[in-house]
N, C-alpha and C. Protein backbone atom coordinates (compact mmCIF):
# COMPACT_ATOMS: atom_id res chain seq x y z
N MET A 1 24.35 121.22 -11.11
CA MET A 1 24.29 121.86 -12.41
C MET A 1 22.90 122.42 -12.66
N ASN A 2 21.87 121.68 -12.28
CA ASN A 2 20.49 122.14 -12.45
C ASN A 2 20.25 123.45 -11.72
N ASN A 3 20.79 123.59 -10.50
CA ASN A 3 20.67 124.84 -9.75
C ASN A 3 21.29 125.99 -10.51
N THR A 4 22.43 125.77 -11.15
CA THR A 4 23.09 126.83 -11.91
C THR A 4 22.22 127.28 -13.06
N LEU A 5 21.60 126.36 -13.75
CA LEU A 5 20.71 126.72 -14.85
C LEU A 5 19.52 127.51 -14.35
N ASN A 6 18.93 127.09 -13.24
CA ASN A 6 17.78 127.80 -12.70
C ASN A 6 18.14 129.22 -12.28
N LYS A 7 19.31 129.40 -11.67
CA LYS A 7 19.73 130.74 -11.23
C LYS A 7 19.80 131.70 -12.41
N GLU A 8 20.26 131.20 -13.53
CA GLU A 8 20.41 132.05 -14.70
C GLU A 8 19.07 132.37 -15.34
N LYS A 9 18.04 131.61 -15.08
CA LYS A 9 16.76 131.81 -15.74
C LYS A 9 16.06 133.08 -15.30
N PHE A 10 16.03 133.36 -14.03
CA PHE A 10 15.37 134.59 -13.60
C PHE A 10 15.89 135.08 -12.27
N VAL A 11 15.80 136.40 -12.12
CA VAL A 11 16.42 137.11 -10.99
C VAL A 11 15.81 136.72 -9.66
N LEU A 12 14.49 136.54 -9.60
CA LEU A 12 13.84 136.24 -8.33
C LEU A 12 14.32 134.92 -7.74
N LEU A 13 14.46 133.92 -8.57
CA LEU A 13 14.96 132.63 -8.08
C LEU A 13 16.38 132.81 -7.52
N ASP A 14 17.19 133.56 -8.24
CA ASP A 14 18.54 133.83 -7.76
C ASP A 14 18.50 134.56 -6.42
N ALA A 15 17.56 135.50 -6.28
CA ALA A 15 17.43 136.25 -5.02
C ALA A 15 17.10 135.31 -3.86
N PHE A 16 16.20 134.36 -4.09
CA PHE A 16 15.86 133.40 -3.04
C PHE A 16 17.06 132.51 -2.70
N LEU A 17 17.75 132.05 -3.72
CA LEU A 17 18.84 131.11 -3.49
C LEU A 17 20.07 131.76 -2.86
N THR A 18 20.25 133.07 -3.09
CA THR A 18 21.43 133.75 -2.57
C THR A 18 21.07 134.79 -1.50
N ASN A 19 19.82 134.82 -1.07
CA ASN A 19 19.35 135.74 -0.02
C ASN A 19 19.60 137.21 -0.34
N LYS A 20 19.31 137.61 -1.56
CA LYS A 20 19.44 139.02 -1.94
C LYS A 20 18.24 139.78 -1.41
N GLU A 21 18.50 140.72 -0.55
CA GLU A 21 17.45 141.38 0.21
C GLU A 21 16.49 142.21 -0.66
N MET A 22 17.00 143.04 -1.53
CA MET A 22 16.14 143.98 -2.28
C MET A 22 15.12 143.26 -3.18
N PRO A 23 15.53 142.31 -4.02
CA PRO A 23 14.53 141.64 -4.86
C PRO A 23 13.50 140.87 -4.01
N MET A 24 13.96 140.25 -2.93
CA MET A 24 13.03 139.51 -2.08
C MET A 24 12.07 140.46 -1.37
N GLN A 25 12.58 141.62 -0.95
CA GLN A 25 11.73 142.61 -0.28
C GLN A 25 10.68 143.15 -1.24
N LYS A 26 11.08 143.44 -2.49
CA LYS A 26 10.11 143.92 -3.49
C LYS A 26 9.05 142.85 -3.75
N PHE A 27 9.48 141.61 -3.87
CA PHE A 27 8.55 140.51 -4.09
C PHE A 27 7.59 140.38 -2.91
N TYR A 28 8.11 140.46 -1.71
CA TYR A 28 7.31 140.36 -0.49
C TYR A 28 6.23 141.45 -0.48
N ILE A 29 6.64 142.69 -0.75
CA ILE A 29 5.71 143.83 -0.74
C ILE A 29 4.67 143.68 -1.84
N ALA A 30 5.08 143.21 -3.00
CA ALA A 30 4.15 143.07 -4.12
C ALA A 30 3.15 141.94 -3.90
N GLU A 31 3.55 140.86 -3.22
CA GLU A 31 2.69 139.69 -3.07
C GLU A 31 1.80 139.74 -1.84
N TYR A 32 2.18 140.49 -0.81
CA TYR A 32 1.40 140.53 0.42
C TYR A 32 -0.06 140.95 0.21
N PRO A 33 -0.37 141.95 -0.62
CA PRO A 33 -1.77 142.37 -0.76
C PRO A 33 -2.71 141.26 -1.22
N LYS A 34 -2.24 140.32 -2.01
CA LYS A 34 -3.10 139.22 -2.47
C LYS A 34 -3.54 138.36 -1.28
N THR A 35 -2.58 138.02 -0.43
CA THR A 35 -2.90 137.22 0.75
C THR A 35 -3.78 138.01 1.71
N LYS A 36 -3.45 139.27 1.91
CA LYS A 36 -4.24 140.12 2.80
C LYS A 36 -5.69 140.18 2.32
N TYR A 37 -5.89 140.40 1.02
CA TYR A 37 -7.23 140.46 0.45
C TYR A 37 -7.98 139.15 0.69
N TYR A 38 -7.32 138.04 0.43
CA TYR A 38 -7.94 136.73 0.60
C TYR A 38 -8.36 136.50 2.05
N ILE A 39 -7.48 136.78 2.99
CA ILE A 39 -7.76 136.52 4.40
C ILE A 39 -8.83 137.46 4.93
N LEU A 40 -8.76 138.74 4.56
CA LEU A 40 -9.79 139.68 5.00
C LEU A 40 -11.15 139.31 4.43
N LYS A 41 -11.17 138.86 3.20
CA LYS A 41 -12.44 138.46 2.55
C LYS A 41 -13.01 137.20 3.19
N ASN A 42 -12.15 136.41 3.81
CA ASN A 42 -12.60 135.14 4.39
C ASN A 42 -12.57 135.14 5.91
N GLY A 43 -12.91 136.29 6.50
CA GLY A 43 -13.15 136.35 7.93
C GLY A 43 -11.95 136.61 8.81
N GLY A 44 -10.81 136.94 8.23
CA GLY A 44 -9.62 137.18 9.03
C GLY A 44 -9.40 138.66 9.29
N ALA A 45 -8.38 138.94 10.05
CA ALA A 45 -7.99 140.32 10.36
C ALA A 45 -6.61 140.58 9.76
N ILE A 46 -6.21 141.84 9.77
CA ILE A 46 -4.91 142.20 9.21
C ILE A 46 -3.78 141.47 9.92
N ASP A 47 -3.88 141.34 11.24
CA ASP A 47 -2.84 140.60 11.97
C ASP A 47 -2.75 139.16 11.51
N ASN A 48 -3.91 138.54 11.24
CA ASN A 48 -3.92 137.17 10.70
C ASN A 48 -3.19 137.14 9.36
N ALA A 49 -3.51 138.12 8.52
CA ALA A 49 -2.91 138.16 7.18
C ALA A 49 -1.40 138.30 7.27
N LYS A 50 -0.93 139.18 8.16
CA LYS A 50 0.52 139.37 8.32
C LYS A 50 1.18 138.07 8.78
N ASP A 51 0.60 137.42 9.79
CA ASP A 51 1.18 136.18 10.32
C ASP A 51 1.19 135.07 9.28
N ILE A 52 0.06 134.87 8.63
CA ILE A 52 -0.06 133.79 7.65
C ILE A 52 0.91 134.03 6.49
N PHE A 53 0.95 135.28 5.99
CA PHE A 53 1.84 135.57 4.87
C PHE A 53 3.30 135.36 5.25
N GLN A 54 3.67 135.79 6.45
CA GLN A 54 5.05 135.62 6.91
C GLN A 54 5.42 134.13 6.95
N GLU A 55 4.53 133.32 7.51
CA GLU A 55 4.79 131.88 7.58
C GLU A 55 4.89 131.28 6.17
N ALA A 56 3.97 131.69 5.30
CA ALA A 56 3.96 131.16 3.94
C ALA A 56 5.23 131.56 3.19
N PHE A 57 5.65 132.80 3.37
CA PHE A 57 6.86 133.28 2.70
C PHE A 57 8.08 132.47 3.15
N LEU A 58 8.18 132.22 4.46
CA LEU A 58 9.31 131.43 4.98
C LEU A 58 9.29 130.00 4.44
N ILE A 59 8.12 129.40 4.39
CA ILE A 59 8.00 128.04 3.86
C ILE A 59 8.42 128.02 2.39
N CYS A 60 7.92 128.99 1.63
CA CYS A 60 8.27 129.08 0.20
C CYS A 60 9.78 129.22 0.04
N TRP A 61 10.36 130.10 0.79
CA TRP A 61 11.81 130.34 0.73
C TRP A 61 12.59 129.06 1.06
N LYS A 62 12.19 128.36 2.13
CA LYS A 62 12.87 127.13 2.53
C LYS A 62 12.75 126.06 1.45
N LYS A 63 11.56 125.93 0.85
CA LYS A 63 11.34 124.91 -0.19
C LYS A 63 12.20 125.21 -1.42
N ILE A 64 12.32 126.48 -1.77
CA ILE A 64 13.15 126.84 -2.93
C ILE A 64 14.62 126.56 -2.62
N CYS A 65 15.08 127.00 -1.45
CA CYS A 65 16.49 126.81 -1.08
C CYS A 65 16.88 125.34 -0.95
N SER A 66 15.95 124.53 -0.47
CA SER A 66 16.26 123.11 -0.29
C SER A 66 16.16 122.32 -1.59
N GLY A 67 15.56 122.93 -2.61
CA GLY A 67 15.39 122.24 -3.89
C GLY A 67 14.12 121.43 -3.97
N ASP A 68 13.29 121.47 -2.93
CA ASP A 68 12.01 120.75 -2.96
C ASP A 68 11.04 121.38 -3.95
N PHE A 69 11.20 122.66 -4.22
CA PHE A 69 10.37 123.37 -5.19
C PHE A 69 11.30 124.03 -6.19
N LYS A 70 11.13 123.69 -7.45
CA LYS A 70 12.01 124.22 -8.50
C LYS A 70 11.17 124.97 -9.53
N PRO A 71 10.90 126.24 -9.26
CA PRO A 71 10.09 127.03 -10.19
C PRO A 71 10.86 127.35 -11.46
N ILE A 72 10.10 127.53 -12.54
CA ILE A 72 10.75 127.90 -13.80
C ILE A 72 10.48 129.36 -14.16
N ASN A 73 9.59 130.03 -13.39
CA ASN A 73 9.36 131.45 -13.63
C ASN A 73 8.77 132.10 -12.38
N LYS A 74 8.67 133.40 -12.41
CA LYS A 74 8.19 134.17 -11.27
C LYS A 74 6.73 133.81 -10.93
N GLN A 75 5.92 133.59 -11.94
CA GLN A 75 4.51 133.28 -11.72
C GLN A 75 4.34 131.99 -10.90
N GLN A 76 5.21 131.03 -11.09
CA GLN A 76 5.13 129.81 -10.30
C GLN A 76 5.43 130.09 -8.83
N ILE A 77 6.37 130.97 -8.57
CA ILE A 77 6.68 131.33 -7.18
C ILE A 77 5.49 132.05 -6.58
N GLU A 78 4.90 132.99 -7.33
CA GLU A 78 3.72 133.73 -6.84
C GLU A 78 2.58 132.77 -6.51
N ALA A 79 2.29 131.86 -7.43
CA ALA A 79 1.20 130.91 -7.23
C ALA A 79 1.48 129.98 -6.05
N TYR A 80 2.71 129.51 -5.93
CA TYR A 80 3.10 128.61 -4.85
C TYR A 80 2.95 129.31 -3.50
N LEU A 81 3.44 130.54 -3.43
CA LEU A 81 3.34 131.33 -2.19
C LEU A 81 1.88 131.55 -1.80
N PHE A 82 1.05 131.93 -2.77
CA PHE A 82 -0.36 132.18 -2.47
C PHE A 82 -1.05 130.89 -2.03
N THR A 83 -0.73 129.77 -2.67
CA THR A 83 -1.34 128.49 -2.30
C THR A 83 -0.96 128.10 -0.87
N ILE A 84 0.29 128.31 -0.51
CA ILE A 84 0.72 128.01 0.87
C ILE A 84 -0.07 128.88 1.84
N ALA A 85 -0.15 130.17 1.55
CA ALA A 85 -0.87 131.09 2.45
C ALA A 85 -2.34 130.70 2.56
N LYS A 86 -2.96 130.38 1.43
CA LYS A 86 -4.37 129.99 1.43
C LYS A 86 -4.58 128.73 2.27
N ASN A 87 -3.72 127.73 2.08
CA ASN A 87 -3.86 126.49 2.85
C ASN A 87 -3.61 126.71 4.33
N LYS A 88 -2.65 127.57 4.66
CA LYS A 88 -2.40 127.88 6.08
C LYS A 88 -3.62 128.56 6.69
N TRP A 89 -4.26 129.46 5.93
CA TRP A 89 -5.45 130.14 6.45
C TRP A 89 -6.60 129.14 6.64
N ILE A 90 -6.77 128.24 5.69
CA ILE A 90 -7.82 127.23 5.82
C ILE A 90 -7.55 126.35 7.04
N ASP A 91 -6.30 125.94 7.22
CA ASP A 91 -5.94 125.14 8.41
C ASP A 91 -6.22 125.93 9.68
N TYR A 92 -5.87 127.20 9.69
CA TYR A 92 -6.09 128.04 10.87
C TYR A 92 -7.59 128.13 11.19
N THR A 93 -8.41 128.38 10.18
CA THR A 93 -9.85 128.52 10.43
C THR A 93 -10.45 127.19 10.86
N ARG A 94 -9.97 126.12 10.30
CA ARG A 94 -10.49 124.80 10.70
C ARG A 94 -10.11 124.48 12.14
N SER A 95 -8.89 124.79 12.53
CA SER A 95 -8.49 124.50 13.90
C SER A 95 -9.24 125.39 14.87
N ALA A 96 -9.49 126.63 14.50
CA ALA A 96 -10.28 127.53 15.36
C ALA A 96 -11.71 127.02 15.49
N THR A 97 -12.25 126.49 14.41
CA THR A 97 -13.60 125.94 14.43
C THR A 97 -13.67 124.72 15.34
N LYS A 98 -12.68 123.85 15.26
CA LYS A 98 -12.66 122.66 16.10
C LYS A 98 -12.58 123.02 17.58
N LYS A 99 -11.82 124.05 17.91
CA LYS A 99 -11.68 124.47 19.30
C LYS A 99 -13.00 124.99 19.85
N LYS A 100 -13.80 125.64 19.01
CA LYS A 100 -15.06 126.21 19.45
C LYS A 100 -16.17 125.17 19.56
N THR A 101 -16.07 124.08 18.81
CA THR A 101 -17.12 123.07 18.75
C THR A 101 -16.99 122.11 19.93
N THR A 102 -18.08 121.95 20.68
CA THR A 102 -18.05 121.02 21.80
C THR A 102 -18.98 119.84 21.61
N SER A 103 -20.05 120.04 20.86
CA SER A 103 -20.97 118.93 20.62
C SER A 103 -21.66 119.13 19.28
N ILE A 104 -22.24 118.02 18.78
CA ILE A 104 -22.95 118.10 17.51
C ILE A 104 -24.38 118.51 17.82
N ASN A 105 -24.81 119.56 17.17
CA ASN A 105 -26.19 120.02 17.30
C ASN A 105 -26.60 120.75 16.04
N ASP A 106 -27.76 121.38 16.06
CA ASP A 106 -28.26 122.07 14.87
C ASP A 106 -27.33 123.20 14.43
N LYS A 107 -26.73 123.90 15.39
CA LYS A 107 -25.85 125.00 15.04
C LYS A 107 -24.62 124.49 14.30
N LEU A 108 -24.09 123.35 14.71
CA LEU A 108 -22.93 122.78 14.05
C LEU A 108 -23.29 122.39 12.63
N TYR A 109 -24.47 121.79 12.46
CA TYR A 109 -24.92 121.41 11.12
C TYR A 109 -25.05 122.66 10.25
N GLN A 110 -25.63 123.69 10.80
CA GLN A 110 -25.78 124.96 10.08
C GLN A 110 -24.40 125.51 9.71
N PHE A 111 -23.46 125.46 10.63
CA PHE A 111 -22.12 125.95 10.36
C PHE A 111 -21.48 125.16 9.23
N SER A 112 -21.68 123.85 9.20
CA SER A 112 -21.12 123.00 8.16
C SER A 112 -21.64 123.42 6.79
N ILE A 113 -22.93 123.72 6.69
CA ILE A 113 -23.51 124.16 5.43
C ILE A 113 -22.89 125.50 5.02
N GLU A 114 -22.76 126.41 5.99
CA GLU A 114 -22.16 127.71 5.70
C GLU A 114 -20.70 127.55 5.28
N ASP A 115 -19.99 126.59 5.90
CA ASP A 115 -18.60 126.35 5.57
C ASP A 115 -18.46 125.90 4.11
N ASN A 116 -19.39 125.02 3.66
CA ASN A 116 -19.37 124.58 2.26
C ASN A 116 -19.62 125.75 1.33
N THR A 117 -20.55 126.61 1.70
CA THR A 117 -20.82 127.79 0.90
C THR A 117 -19.60 128.69 0.86
N GLN A 118 -18.97 128.85 2.02
CA GLN A 118 -17.77 129.69 2.10
C GLN A 118 -16.65 129.09 1.26
N THR A 119 -16.51 127.77 1.26
CA THR A 119 -15.49 127.12 0.45
C THR A 119 -15.74 127.39 -1.02
N ASN A 120 -17.00 127.29 -1.46
CA ASN A 120 -17.33 127.59 -2.85
C ASN A 120 -17.03 129.04 -3.18
N ASP A 121 -17.37 129.94 -2.26
CA ASP A 121 -17.07 131.36 -2.45
C ASP A 121 -15.57 131.59 -2.54
N MET A 122 -14.80 130.89 -1.69
CA MET A 122 -13.35 131.03 -1.71
C MET A 122 -12.78 130.53 -3.03
N GLU A 123 -13.33 129.42 -3.55
CA GLU A 123 -12.85 128.89 -4.82
C GLU A 123 -13.14 129.87 -5.95
N LYS A 124 -14.33 130.48 -5.92
CA LYS A 124 -14.68 131.48 -6.93
C LYS A 124 -13.76 132.69 -6.83
N ALA A 125 -13.50 133.13 -5.60
CA ALA A 125 -12.62 134.29 -5.39
C ALA A 125 -11.20 133.95 -5.85
N GLU A 126 -10.76 132.72 -5.57
CA GLU A 126 -9.42 132.30 -5.99
C GLU A 126 -9.32 132.27 -7.51
N LEU A 127 -10.35 131.77 -8.18
CA LEU A 127 -10.36 131.75 -9.64
C LEU A 127 -10.32 133.17 -10.18
N GLN A 128 -11.14 134.03 -9.59
CA GLN A 128 -11.16 135.44 -10.01
C GLN A 128 -9.79 136.08 -9.83
N MET A 129 -9.16 135.81 -8.68
CA MET A 129 -7.83 136.36 -8.41
C MET A 129 -6.82 135.84 -9.42
N SER A 130 -6.90 134.56 -9.73
CA SER A 130 -5.98 133.96 -10.69
C SER A 130 -6.14 134.59 -12.07
N ILE A 131 -7.38 134.78 -12.50
CA ILE A 131 -7.66 135.41 -13.80
C ILE A 131 -7.12 136.83 -13.81
N THR A 132 -7.37 137.56 -12.72
CA THR A 132 -6.90 138.94 -12.63
C THR A 132 -5.39 139.01 -12.66
N LEU A 133 -4.72 138.12 -11.93
CA LEU A 133 -3.25 138.12 -11.90
C LEU A 133 -2.67 137.78 -13.27
N ASN A 134 -3.28 136.81 -13.95
CA ASN A 134 -2.81 136.48 -15.29
C ASN A 134 -2.99 137.66 -16.24
N ALA A 135 -4.15 138.32 -16.13
CA ALA A 135 -4.40 139.49 -16.97
C ALA A 135 -3.39 140.59 -16.65
N PHE A 136 -3.14 140.81 -15.36
CA PHE A 136 -2.18 141.83 -14.94
C PHE A 136 -0.80 141.54 -15.51
N ASN A 137 -0.40 140.27 -15.48
CA ASN A 137 0.92 139.90 -16.00
C ASN A 137 1.04 140.11 -17.51
N ASN A 138 -0.10 140.18 -18.21
CA ASN A 138 -0.08 140.39 -19.65
C ASN A 138 -0.24 141.86 -20.05
N LEU A 139 -0.33 142.74 -19.06
CA LEU A 139 -0.37 144.17 -19.34
C LEU A 139 1.02 144.66 -19.71
N GLY A 140 1.07 145.80 -20.36
CA GLY A 140 2.36 146.43 -20.62
C GLY A 140 2.98 146.92 -19.32
N GLN A 141 4.29 147.13 -19.34
CA GLN A 141 5.00 147.52 -18.12
C GLN A 141 4.51 148.86 -17.58
N SER A 142 4.20 149.81 -18.45
CA SER A 142 3.75 151.12 -17.96
C SER A 142 2.42 151.00 -17.24
N CYS A 143 1.52 150.17 -17.75
CA CYS A 143 0.24 149.96 -17.07
C CYS A 143 0.45 149.25 -15.73
N LYS A 144 1.32 148.26 -15.72
CA LYS A 144 1.61 147.56 -14.46
C LYS A 144 2.12 148.56 -13.41
N ASP A 145 3.03 149.44 -13.85
CA ASP A 145 3.61 150.41 -12.93
C ASP A 145 2.56 151.36 -12.37
N ILE A 146 1.71 151.89 -13.24
CA ILE A 146 0.68 152.84 -12.79
C ILE A 146 -0.30 152.16 -11.84
N LEU A 147 -0.81 150.99 -12.21
CA LEU A 147 -1.79 150.31 -11.37
C LEU A 147 -1.18 149.86 -10.04
N THR A 148 0.06 149.43 -10.07
CA THR A 148 0.73 149.02 -8.84
C THR A 148 0.91 150.22 -7.91
N GLN A 149 1.37 151.33 -8.48
CA GLN A 149 1.55 152.53 -7.65
C GLN A 149 0.22 152.99 -7.06
N PHE A 150 -0.83 152.98 -7.88
CA PHE A 150 -2.11 153.52 -7.43
C PHE A 150 -2.82 152.59 -6.45
N TYR A 151 -2.91 151.29 -6.78
CA TYR A 151 -3.72 150.39 -5.97
C TYR A 151 -2.96 149.72 -4.83
N PHE A 152 -1.70 149.36 -5.03
CA PHE A 152 -0.98 148.66 -3.98
C PHE A 152 -0.22 149.61 -3.06
N TYR A 153 0.38 150.65 -3.64
CA TYR A 153 1.13 151.59 -2.81
C TYR A 153 0.30 152.81 -2.43
N LYS A 154 -0.93 152.88 -2.95
CA LYS A 154 -1.87 153.97 -2.63
C LYS A 154 -1.28 155.35 -2.94
N ALA A 155 -0.48 155.42 -3.99
CA ALA A 155 0.12 156.71 -4.38
C ALA A 155 -0.95 157.56 -5.04
N PRO A 156 -1.03 158.84 -4.70
CA PRO A 156 -2.00 159.72 -5.36
C PRO A 156 -1.63 159.93 -6.83
N LEU A 157 -2.63 160.24 -7.64
CA LEU A 157 -2.40 160.44 -9.06
C LEU A 157 -1.40 161.56 -9.31
N ARG A 158 -1.39 162.57 -8.48
CA ARG A 158 -0.46 163.69 -8.64
C ARG A 158 0.99 163.17 -8.55
N THR A 159 1.24 162.31 -7.58
CA THR A 159 2.59 161.75 -7.42
C THR A 159 2.96 160.86 -8.60
N ILE A 160 2.01 160.05 -9.04
CA ILE A 160 2.25 159.17 -10.19
C ILE A 160 2.56 160.01 -11.43
N ALA A 161 1.78 161.08 -11.62
CA ALA A 161 2.00 161.96 -12.77
C ALA A 161 3.39 162.59 -12.71
N GLU A 162 3.80 163.03 -11.54
CA GLU A 162 5.13 163.62 -11.38
C GLU A 162 6.22 162.60 -11.70
N ASN A 163 6.04 161.36 -11.24
CA ASN A 163 7.02 160.31 -11.53
C ASN A 163 7.13 160.03 -13.03
N LEU A 164 5.99 160.16 -13.73
CA LEU A 164 5.98 159.88 -15.17
C LEU A 164 6.32 161.11 -16.00
N GLY A 165 6.32 162.29 -15.36
CA GLY A 165 6.59 163.53 -16.08
C GLY A 165 5.44 163.96 -16.96
N ILE A 166 4.19 163.68 -16.51
CA ILE A 166 3.01 164.07 -17.27
C ILE A 166 2.04 164.81 -16.36
N GLU A 167 0.99 165.37 -16.95
CA GLU A 167 -0.03 166.07 -16.18
C GLU A 167 -0.87 165.07 -15.40
N GLU A 168 -1.48 165.55 -14.31
CA GLU A 168 -2.31 164.68 -13.48
C GLU A 168 -3.49 164.13 -14.26
N ALA A 169 -4.12 164.98 -15.12
CA ALA A 169 -5.26 164.52 -15.93
C ALA A 169 -4.83 163.40 -16.88
N SER A 170 -3.63 163.50 -17.42
CA SER A 170 -3.12 162.45 -18.31
C SER A 170 -2.89 161.15 -17.55
N ALA A 171 -2.39 161.26 -16.33
CA ALA A 171 -2.18 160.07 -15.50
C ALA A 171 -3.51 159.41 -15.19
N LYS A 172 -4.53 160.23 -14.92
CA LYS A 172 -5.86 159.69 -14.62
C LYS A 172 -6.41 158.96 -15.84
N ASN A 173 -6.27 159.56 -17.02
CA ASN A 173 -6.74 158.91 -18.25
C ASN A 173 -5.98 157.63 -18.54
N LYS A 174 -4.68 157.67 -18.32
CA LYS A 174 -3.86 156.48 -18.55
C LYS A 174 -4.25 155.35 -17.59
N LYS A 175 -4.49 155.70 -16.33
CA LYS A 175 -4.92 154.70 -15.34
C LYS A 175 -6.24 154.08 -15.78
N TYR A 176 -7.17 154.91 -16.25
CA TYR A 176 -8.47 154.42 -16.71
C TYR A 176 -8.29 153.47 -17.90
N ARG A 177 -7.46 153.84 -18.85
CA ARG A 177 -7.22 152.98 -20.02
C ARG A 177 -6.58 151.66 -19.60
N CYS A 178 -5.69 151.72 -18.63
CA CYS A 178 -5.03 150.50 -18.14
C CYS A 178 -6.04 149.58 -17.46
N ILE A 179 -6.95 150.15 -16.70
CA ILE A 179 -7.99 149.34 -16.04
C ILE A 179 -8.88 148.69 -17.09
N GLN A 180 -9.24 149.46 -18.12
CA GLN A 180 -10.07 148.91 -19.19
C GLN A 180 -9.35 147.78 -19.92
N LYS A 181 -8.06 147.96 -20.15
CA LYS A 181 -7.27 146.92 -20.82
C LYS A 181 -7.20 145.67 -19.93
N LEU A 182 -7.01 145.87 -18.62
CA LEU A 182 -6.98 144.76 -17.67
C LEU A 182 -8.30 143.99 -17.71
N LYS A 183 -9.42 144.71 -17.71
CA LYS A 183 -10.73 144.06 -17.78
C LYS A 183 -10.89 143.27 -19.07
N GLU A 184 -10.45 143.87 -20.17
CA GLU A 184 -10.57 143.22 -21.48
C GLU A 184 -9.77 141.91 -21.50
N ILE A 185 -8.55 141.95 -21.01
CA ILE A 185 -7.71 140.75 -20.98
C ILE A 185 -8.32 139.71 -20.05
N ALA A 186 -8.82 140.15 -18.89
CA ALA A 186 -9.43 139.21 -17.93
C ALA A 186 -10.66 138.54 -18.52
N LEU A 187 -11.48 139.28 -19.24
CA LEU A 187 -12.67 138.70 -19.85
C LEU A 187 -12.31 137.69 -20.92
N ASN A 188 -11.20 137.89 -21.60
CA ASN A 188 -10.75 136.92 -22.61
C ASN A 188 -10.30 135.62 -21.98
N TYR A 189 -9.84 135.64 -20.71
CA TYR A 189 -9.45 134.42 -20.01
C TYR A 189 -10.65 133.56 -19.68
N LYS A 190 -11.77 134.20 -19.42
CA LYS A 190 -12.98 133.46 -19.04
C LYS A 190 -13.51 132.74 -20.26
């Protein structure tokens, strides 16, 4: 009965539970850039990002289907997926570090200090990403659409303007106002 209630709450959960391709594909495409950004910022390559995200997505999907993870909204799924990807990347970098280390010396000590600094930087970046995502979720739908098309799908302003039925200059102004609104909301979270 609990599964039935959850399915009715939101479409994405239903998509995971019933393997609906289109909603899951849209979610996959929308969420991948966050993981890619995190991994590239923390010393990884695009291939690493693709592999880690794929593994994280499968784990998330299995946990939802098995009932081990029972989200109540889309944001919980997004956060859960990103956390899995982040932890998988940390595990990957730690295992790579262990393979390279053969003895304790000054370089290892230096690396340990750098690792702590990198961990602090990653925590700051994660907090920043969380604030930005929360701010993005509080934008109006038209702003979300414009910013998603421009930044994630790399659509030119001309194409965005055509999709909206407005002039290119108007689309540029609207994008600017949306960015300003996003910054304003993000600053209020801090």
